[in-house]
Amino acid sequence: MSRNPITRVRAKGDAFSIGFTLGRATASGFSQRVLSTEEFQALYARWRGSEYLQALQSAARAAYPHFVREIEGIAEGAGQDFETVFLWNCRGDLRLPEHVSPVTKAIAAAGCTTLLIPAKGDAPAIIAHNEDGSAEFLGACSWVEVEPDEGPAWSSFMYPGMLPGHTFGLNEAGVVQTVNHISPQDFQPGVPRQVICRAILDARSLDEAIEILKRKDRASGFHHNLGEAKTRRLASVEAPASGCAVREATSPRAHANHLLFREFDGLKQTITLSSRNRQEAADRMIAEGALAGGAGAVLFDETTPIYCDRDRHGDVAQTLATSFFALFPDRIEWLVHPTPDELDTLNGTIRVV
């Protein structure tokens, strides 16, 4: 039996219908794995009914009403009220109360590690990603494949009750996105970062995706790893609420969970020991030629902090899945691994249209 079963969910139709299908598929995970957590309870007590949460909702509805409609569908499918689900989708845009435990603060700051490997000759460009989060979500996450009435078909890894896009995913326009948490202190009323990530799954090109991240009205931000199959271009984009910096990848690079680009040297941020250690380990392994053994030689290496395993290493975070995307001009070949011992559990090819 799998240690970490990842359910495959298919949805189609209008925004509400898609959300309803995804909400129904993740309803038990939301009720059993989310509602009782200290993080959710603290956010719920502090922010439910607040003017600030209403400002986030108003900004989301003004910018991307159809994605808010998807959240409404998720709530209905999960048997929850809209504000409860919307609040959970704003978890990264809301400050946690100071009284929460150090473990909850560490889980909220847990992130991921991504590798960008540019194409050489006829070889594909590669984006590879460890999705790290609370071990409570082992066995509760899904791989969703969506055919909307409008916009490109897309697929994404999904947490219970959360709008897809903020983890890793791709669309039939040939755009790939993986996302890393960052912790700058520049929160502002605006479009929630979950909604921004979902918008990128509708982007028709790398340039369009970057323009979305240049919006001035974002409530908070992520680090985004973006790829475009048609051109095999890769970009590393740091996008806190107060700015956006883009680096096209011309050589292999890694990114963990803190801002690296000089544009944000003056921006206050929280850098966890885990993020610092994973960044240093990945940079060192790349410099030493570890990628000759493939991206998995880095992301699955349990002798470093890169692969997080609470059972083996006592990590606060847990790697919930590892994904690999090979970008060819006419297609993307993708793999999702639940654990290093369960390879190729989910895989496929999406033709670029």
Protein backbone atom coordinates (compact mmCIF):
# COMPACT_ATOMS: atom_id res chain seq x y z
CA MET A 1 0.00 0.00 0.00
CA SER A 2 1.25 3.47 -0.87
CA ARG A 3 2.59 5.57 1.96
CA ASN A 4 1.35 8.66 0.13
CA PRO A 5 -1.52 7.96 -2.29
CA ILE A 6 -2.17 10.89 -4.63
CA THR A 7 -5.69 10.82 -6.01
CA ARG A 8 -6.16 11.61 -9.70
CA VAL A 9 -9.19 13.87 -10.24
CA ARG A 10 -10.69 15.01 -13.53
CA ALA A 11 -12.98 18.02 -13.84
CA LYS A 12 -14.56 19.95 -16.68
CA GLY A 13 -17.10 22.67 -17.35
CA ASP A 14 -17.53 26.23 -16.15
CA ALA A 15 -15.63 27.70 -13.22
CA PHE A 16 -18.17 26.76 -10.55
CA SER A 17 -18.58 23.21 -11.88
CA ILE A 18 -14.82 22.69 -11.89
CA GLY A 19 -14.53 24.01 -8.36
CA PHE A 20 -17.43 21.85 -7.18
CA THR A 21 -15.79 18.69 -8.53
CA LEU A 22 -12.47 19.56 -6.89
CA GLY A 23 -14.13 20.51 -3.62
CA ARG A 24 -16.12 17.30 -3.46
CA ALA A 25 -13.00 15.24 -4.22
CA THR A 26 -11.04 16.90 -1.39
CA ALA A 27 -13.88 17.40 1.10
CA SER A 28 -12.75 14.75 3.57
CA GLY A 29 -9.15 15.98 3.44
CA PHE A 30 -10.31 19.53 4.17
CA SER A 31 -12.55 18.57 7.08
CA GLN A 32 -10.12 16.04 8.58
CA ARG A 33 -6.70 17.57 7.83
CA VAL A 34 -7.28 21.34 7.76
CA LEU A 35 -10.08 22.52 10.05
CA SER A 36 -8.56 21.16 13.25
CA THR A 37 -5.03 22.47 12.70
CA GLU A 38 -3.65 25.20 14.93
CA GLU A 39 -2.79 27.26 11.85
CA PHE A 40 -6.34 27.27 10.51
CA GLN A 41 -7.89 27.85 13.91
CA ALA A 42 -5.58 30.80 14.58
CA LEU A 43 -6.24 32.39 11.20
CA TYR A 44 -9.98 31.78 11.56
CA ALA A 45 -10.12 33.42 14.99
CA ARG A 46 -8.03 36.42 13.92
CA TRP A 47 -9.26 37.17 10.42
CA ARG A 48 -12.77 35.78 9.79
CA GLY A 49 -15.19 38.65 9.29
CA SER A 50 -12.39 41.21 9.19
CA GLU A 51 -12.22 44.22 6.89
CA TYR A 52 -8.81 43.00 5.72
CA LEU A 53 -10.14 39.63 4.56
CA GLN A 54 -12.99 41.45 2.83
CA ALA A 55 -10.46 43.66 1.06
CA LEU A 56 -8.65 40.56 -0.24
CA GLN A 57 -11.94 39.13 -1.47
CA SER A 58 -12.92 42.37 -3.18
CA ALA A 59 -9.55 42.59 -4.93
CA ALA A 60 -9.80 38.97 -6.08
CA ARG A 61 -13.32 39.46 -7.43
CA ALA A 62 -12.33 42.64 -9.28
CA ALA A 63 -9.24 41.08 -10.88
CA TYR A 64 -10.24 37.44 -11.45
CA PRO A 65 -13.96 36.84 -10.79
CA HIS A 66 -13.95 33.44 -12.51
CA PHE A 67 -11.26 32.11 -10.14
CA VAL A 68 -13.27 33.32 -7.16
CA ARG A 69 -16.14 31.42 -8.75
CA GLU A 70 -13.92 28.30 -8.66
CA ILE A 71 -13.37 28.87 -4.92
CA GLU A 72 -17.14 29.18 -4.49
CA GLY A 73 -17.49 25.83 -6.22
CA ILE A 74 -14.78 24.28 -4.03
CA ALA A 75 -16.63 25.47 -0.93
CA GLU A 76 -19.95 24.09 -2.16
CA GLY A 77 -18.41 20.76 -3.14
CA ALA A 78 -16.60 20.47 0.20
CA GLY A 79 -19.78 21.31 2.15
CA GLN A 80 -18.25 24.45 3.66
CA ASP A 81 -19.24 28.10 3.67
CA PHE A 82 -17.40 30.33 1.21
CA GLU A 83 -15.62 32.53 3.77
CA THR A 84 -14.08 29.52 5.49
CA VAL A 85 -12.60 28.22 2.24
CA PHE A 86 -11.61 31.66 0.98
CA LEU A 87 -9.80 32.36 4.27
CA TRP A 88 -7.84 29.12 3.90
CA ASN A 89 -6.89 30.18 0.39
CA CYS A 90 -5.49 33.40 1.87
CA ARG A 91 -3.33 31.64 4.46
CA GLY A 92 -0.14 33.10 2.97
CA ASP A 93 -1.59 36.62 2.76
CA LEU A 94 -2.55 36.80 6.45
CA ARG A 95 -0.17 37.22 9.36
CA LEU A 96 -0.30 34.43 11.91
CA PRO A 97 -0.94 35.58 15.49
CA GLU A 98 2.21 35.65 17.59
CA HIS A 99 0.83 33.20 20.15
CA VAL A 100 0.84 30.17 17.83
CA SER A 101 3.38 27.45 18.57
CA PRO A 102 6.86 27.40 17.01
CA VAL A 103 5.93 24.17 15.20
CA THR A 104 2.93 25.83 13.54
CA LYS A 105 5.05 28.83 12.56
CA ALA A 106 7.62 26.48 11.05
CA ILE A 107 4.98 24.53 9.13
CA ALA A 108 3.45 27.76 7.81
CA ALA A 109 6.91 28.78 6.57
CA ALA A 110 7.65 25.37 5.05
CA GLY A 111 8.56 25.51 1.42
CA CYS A 112 9.95 23.66 -1.52
CA THR A 113 13.08 23.19 -3.59
CA THR A 114 13.10 23.64 -7.37
CA LEU A 115 15.68 23.02 -10.08
CA LEU A 116 15.75 24.76 -13.44
CA ILE A 117 17.90 23.01 -16.05
CA PRO A 118 18.13 24.78 -19.45
CA ALA A 119 17.94 22.84 -22.71
CA LYS A 120 21.12 21.80 -24.49
CA GLY A 121 21.00 20.92 -28.18
CA ASP A 122 17.92 18.81 -28.83
CA ALA A 123 17.49 17.90 -25.16
CA PRO A 124 14.46 19.27 -23.32
CA ALA A 125 14.51 21.99 -20.71
CA ILE A 126 13.78 20.57 -17.25
CA ILE A 127 11.88 21.91 -14.27
CA ALA A 128 12.01 19.63 -11.21
CA HIS A 129 10.40 20.33 -7.86
CA ASN A 130 10.06 18.97 -4.32
CA GLU A 131 6.69 20.00 -2.86
CA ASP A 132 7.18 20.35 0.89
CA GLY A 133 4.40 20.88 3.41
CA SER A 134 2.85 19.53 6.56
CA ALA A 135 3.06 15.76 6.97
CA GLU A 136 -0.63 15.92 7.83
CA PHE A 137 -1.29 16.23 4.09
CA LEU A 138 0.32 12.89 3.19
CA GLY A 139 -2.36 10.94 1.36
CA ALA A 140 -4.75 13.89 1.23
CA CYS A 141 -3.51 15.68 -1.89
CA SER A 142 -4.61 15.24 -5.50
CA TRP A 143 -3.41 15.54 -9.06
CA VAL A 144 -6.19 17.34 -10.91
CA GLU A 145 -6.70 17.40 -14.67
CA VAL A 146 -9.10 20.10 -15.83
CA GLU A 147 -10.83 20.92 -19.11
CA PRO A 148 -12.49 24.33 -18.68
CA ASP A 149 -15.16 25.70 -20.98
CA GLU A 150 -12.87 28.69 -21.52
CA GLY A 151 -9.07 28.78 -21.51
CA PRO A 152 -6.45 26.05 -21.94
CA ALA A 153 -6.73 22.64 -20.31
CA TRP A 154 -4.44 22.38 -17.28
CA SER A 155 -3.24 20.03 -14.56
CA SER A 156 -1.93 20.73 -11.07
CA PHE A 157 -1.10 19.24 -7.69
CA MET A 158 -3.81 20.29 -5.21
CA TYR A 159 -4.05 20.56 -1.44
CA PRO A 160 -7.49 19.96 0.15
CA GLY A 161 -9.75 22.96 -0.27
CA MET A 162 -7.15 25.09 -2.02
CA LEU A 163 -7.34 26.65 -5.45
CA PRO A 164 -4.83 24.73 -7.62
CA GLY A 165 -1.74 26.38 -9.04
CA HIS A 166 0.42 27.28 -6.05
CA THR A 167 2.30 23.96 -6.08
CA PHE A 168 3.27 22.61 -9.52
CA GLY A 169 1.34 22.33 -12.74
CA LEU A 170 1.18 22.84 -16.50
CA ASN A 171 -1.22 23.69 -19.30
CA GLU A 172 -1.77 22.77 -22.92
CA ALA A 173 -0.34 26.12 -24.06
CA GLY A 174 3.00 24.72 -22.91
CA VAL A 175 3.40 26.76 -19.73
CA VAL A 176 4.84 25.04 -16.65
CA GLN A 177 4.83 26.55 -13.17
CA THR A 178 6.31 25.40 -9.87
CA VAL A 179 6.04 27.60 -6.80
CA ASN A 180 8.20 28.19 -3.73
CA HIS A 181 7.02 29.89 -0.54
CA ILE A 182 8.84 33.07 0.53
CA SER A 183 8.40 35.12 3.70
CA PRO A 184 8.94 38.83 3.09
CA GLN A 185 7.13 41.26 5.38
CA ASP A 186 5.42 43.38 2.71
CA PHE A 187 1.79 42.28 3.04
CA GLN A 188 -0.81 44.61 1.55
CA PRO A 189 -4.53 44.46 0.70
CA GLY A 190 -4.71 43.02 -2.81
CA VAL A 191 -5.18 39.92 -4.93
CA PRO A 192 -4.32 36.77 -2.91
CA ARG A 193 -1.27 34.92 -4.09
CA GLN A 194 -3.28 31.69 -4.58
CA VAL A 195 -5.43 33.48 -7.15
CA ILE A 196 -2.34 34.83 -8.92
CA CYS A 197 -0.93 31.30 -9.20
CA ARG A 198 -4.21 30.03 -10.61
CA ALA A 199 -4.17 32.83 -13.19
CA ILE A 200 -0.81 31.61 -14.47
CA LEU A 201 -2.34 28.23 -15.28
CA ASP A 202 -4.44 30.13 -17.84
CA ALA A 203 -1.44 31.94 -19.37
CA ARG A 204 -0.78 31.30 -23.05
CA SER A 205 2.95 32.09 -22.90
CA LEU A 206 5.87 32.68 -20.58
CA ASP A 207 5.69 36.41 -21.23
CA GLU A 208 2.00 36.49 -20.32
CA ALA A 209 2.73 34.64 -17.08
CA ILE A 210 5.46 37.15 -16.18
CA GLU A 211 3.09 40.05 -16.83
CA ILE A 212 0.65 38.56 -14.33
CA LEU A 213 3.43 38.55 -11.73
CA LYS A 214 4.19 42.22 -12.42
CA ARG A 215 0.77 43.31 -11.15
CA LYS A 216 1.05 46.03 -8.52
CA ASP A 217 -2.03 44.86 -6.60
CA ARG A 218 -0.78 41.51 -5.26
CA ALA A 219 -1.45 40.89 -1.54
CA SER A 220 1.76 38.90 -0.99
CA GLY A 221 3.94 36.73 -3.14
CA PHE A 222 5.85 33.60 -4.04
CA HIS A 223 8.91 32.62 -5.96
CA HIS A 224 7.75 31.21 -9.33
CA ASN A 225 9.67 28.88 -11.64
CA LEU A 226 8.24 29.19 -15.14
CA GLY A 227 8.85 27.38 -18.39
CA GLU A 228 7.56 27.58 -21.95
CA ALA A 229 7.69 24.43 -24.03
CA LYS A 230 7.57 26.05 -27.47
CA THR A 231 10.78 28.01 -26.88
CA ARG A 232 12.19 25.88 -24.01
CA ARG A 233 12.76 29.13 -22.10
CA LEU A 234 12.95 28.94 -18.31
CA ALA A 235 12.58 31.81 -15.85
CA SER A 236 13.08 32.23 -12.12
CA VAL A 237 10.76 34.97 -10.84
CA GLU A 238 10.84 36.43 -7.34
CA ALA A 239 7.54 38.23 -6.81
CA PRO A 240 6.85 39.54 -3.31
CA ALA A 241 3.97 42.00 -3.05
CA SER A 242 6.28 44.99 -3.46
CA GLY A 243 8.05 43.99 -6.66
CA CYS A 244 8.95 41.47 -9.33
CA ALA A 245 12.41 40.40 -10.51
CA VAL A 246 12.98 38.01 -13.40
CA ARG A 247 16.02 35.90 -14.28
CA GLU A 248 15.94 33.72 -17.36
CA ALA A 249 17.85 30.53 -16.62
CA THR A 250 20.84 30.09 -18.92
CA SER A 251 22.59 27.61 -16.62
CA PRO A 252 21.27 25.18 -13.99
CA ARG A 253 20.01 26.86 -10.86
CA ALA A 254 18.11 26.02 -7.68
CA HIS A 255 15.73 27.96 -5.50
CA ALA A 256 14.48 27.21 -1.98
CA ASN A 257 12.34 29.57 0.12
CA HIS A 258 13.93 32.96 0.48
CA LEU A 259 14.62 35.88 -1.82
CA LEU A 260 18.02 35.76 -3.53
CA PHE A 261 17.96 38.57 -6.09
CA ARG A 262 19.70 41.86 -5.37
CA GLU A 263 16.54 43.84 -6.15
CA PHE A 264 15.20 42.76 -2.75
CA ASP A 265 18.32 43.21 -0.62
CA GLY A 266 16.54 45.86 1.45
CA LEU A 267 13.30 43.95 1.93
CA LYS A 268 12.85 42.39 5.35
CA GLN A 269 12.22 38.67 5.12
CA THR A 270 12.27 35.55 7.28
CA ILE A 271 14.89 33.03 6.20
CA THR A 272 14.40 29.67 7.88
CA LEU A 273 17.34 27.41 8.64
CA SER A 274 15.74 24.76 6.42
CA SER A 275 15.58 27.11 3.44
CA ARG A 276 19.16 28.27 3.92
CA ASN A 277 20.45 24.71 4.26
CA ARG A 278 18.54 23.40 1.25
CA GLN A 279 19.67 26.32 -0.92
CA GLU A 280 23.30 25.84 0.05
CA ALA A 281 23.12 22.08 -0.49
CA ALA A 282 21.49 22.37 -3.91
CA ASP A 283 23.94 25.06 -5.07
CA ARG A 284 26.86 22.93 -3.93
CA MET A 285 25.56 19.78 -5.62
CA ILE A 286 24.99 21.62 -8.89
CA ALA A 287 28.51 23.05 -8.75
CA GLU A 288 29.92 19.58 -8.07
CA GLY A 289 28.16 18.11 -11.13
CA ALA A 290 25.43 16.11 -9.39
CA LEU A 291 23.00 16.87 -12.21
CA ALA A 292 24.92 14.43 -14.40
CA GLY A 293 22.82 11.84 -12.58
CA GLY A 294 19.61 13.72 -13.37
CA ALA A 295 17.50 16.11 -11.31
CA GLY A 296 16.47 13.26 -9.02
CA ALA A 297 20.07 12.89 -7.86
CA VAL A 298 19.61 16.25 -6.13
CA LEU A 299 15.94 16.27 -5.12
CA PHE A 300 15.92 12.72 -3.74
CA ASP A 301 19.26 12.98 -1.93
CA GLU A 302 18.51 12.11 1.69
CA THR A 303 22.09 12.80 2.82
CA THR A 304 21.26 16.52 2.53
CA PRO A 305 18.31 18.55 3.85
CA ILE A 306 16.82 18.77 0.33
CA TYR A 307 14.42 15.83 0.60
CA CYS A 308 12.34 16.39 3.75
CA ASP A 309 11.20 13.33 5.67
CA ARG A 310 9.75 13.73 9.13
CA ASP A 311 10.05 10.01 9.92
CA ARG A 312 13.69 9.66 8.94
CA HIS A 313 15.14 13.06 9.77
CA GLY A 314 12.67 14.59 12.21
CA ASP A 315 11.96 17.42 9.75
CA VAL A 316 9.08 19.77 10.50
CA ALA A 317 8.10 19.69 6.85
CA GLN A 318 7.51 16.65 4.66
CA THR A 319 8.14 16.29 0.93
CA LEU A 320 4.63 15.47 -0.32
CA ALA A 321 5.56 14.84 -3.96
CA THR A 322 8.39 15.31 -6.43
CA SER A 323 7.63 16.41 -9.98
CA PHE A 324 9.66 16.47 -13.19
CA PHE A 325 8.69 18.37 -16.34
CA ALA A 326 10.59 17.87 -19.63
CA LEU A 327 9.80 20.71 -22.02
CA PHE A 328 10.03 19.92 -25.73
CA PRO A 329 8.88 22.35 -28.47
CA ASP A 330 5.74 20.28 -29.20
CA ARG A 331 5.01 18.63 -25.84
CA ILE A 332 5.65 18.37 -22.12
CA GLU A 333 6.41 15.01 -20.55
CA TRP A 334 5.66 14.98 -16.83
CA LEU A 335 6.19 12.68 -13.85
CA VAL A 336 4.91 12.92 -10.28
CA HIS A 337 6.49 10.72 -7.60
CA PRO A 338 4.79 10.32 -4.19
CA THR A 339 8.05 9.17 -2.55
CA PRO A 340 11.56 8.13 -3.70
CA ASP A 341 10.35 4.51 -3.37
CA GLU A 342 7.24 5.08 -5.50
CA LEU A 343 8.39 6.40 -8.84
CA ASP A 344 6.32 7.14 -11.94
CA THR A 345 3.03 6.69 -10.08
CA LEU A 346 1.56 9.54 -12.11
CA ASN A 347 2.87 10.45 -15.54
CA GLY A 348 1.76 11.69 -18.90
CA THR A 349 2.41 13.81 -21.98
CA ILE A 350 0.56 16.96 -22.88
CA ARG A 351 0.70 18.13 -26.49
CA VAL A 352 1.24 21.85 -26.91
CA VAL A 353 -1.47 23.64 -28.87
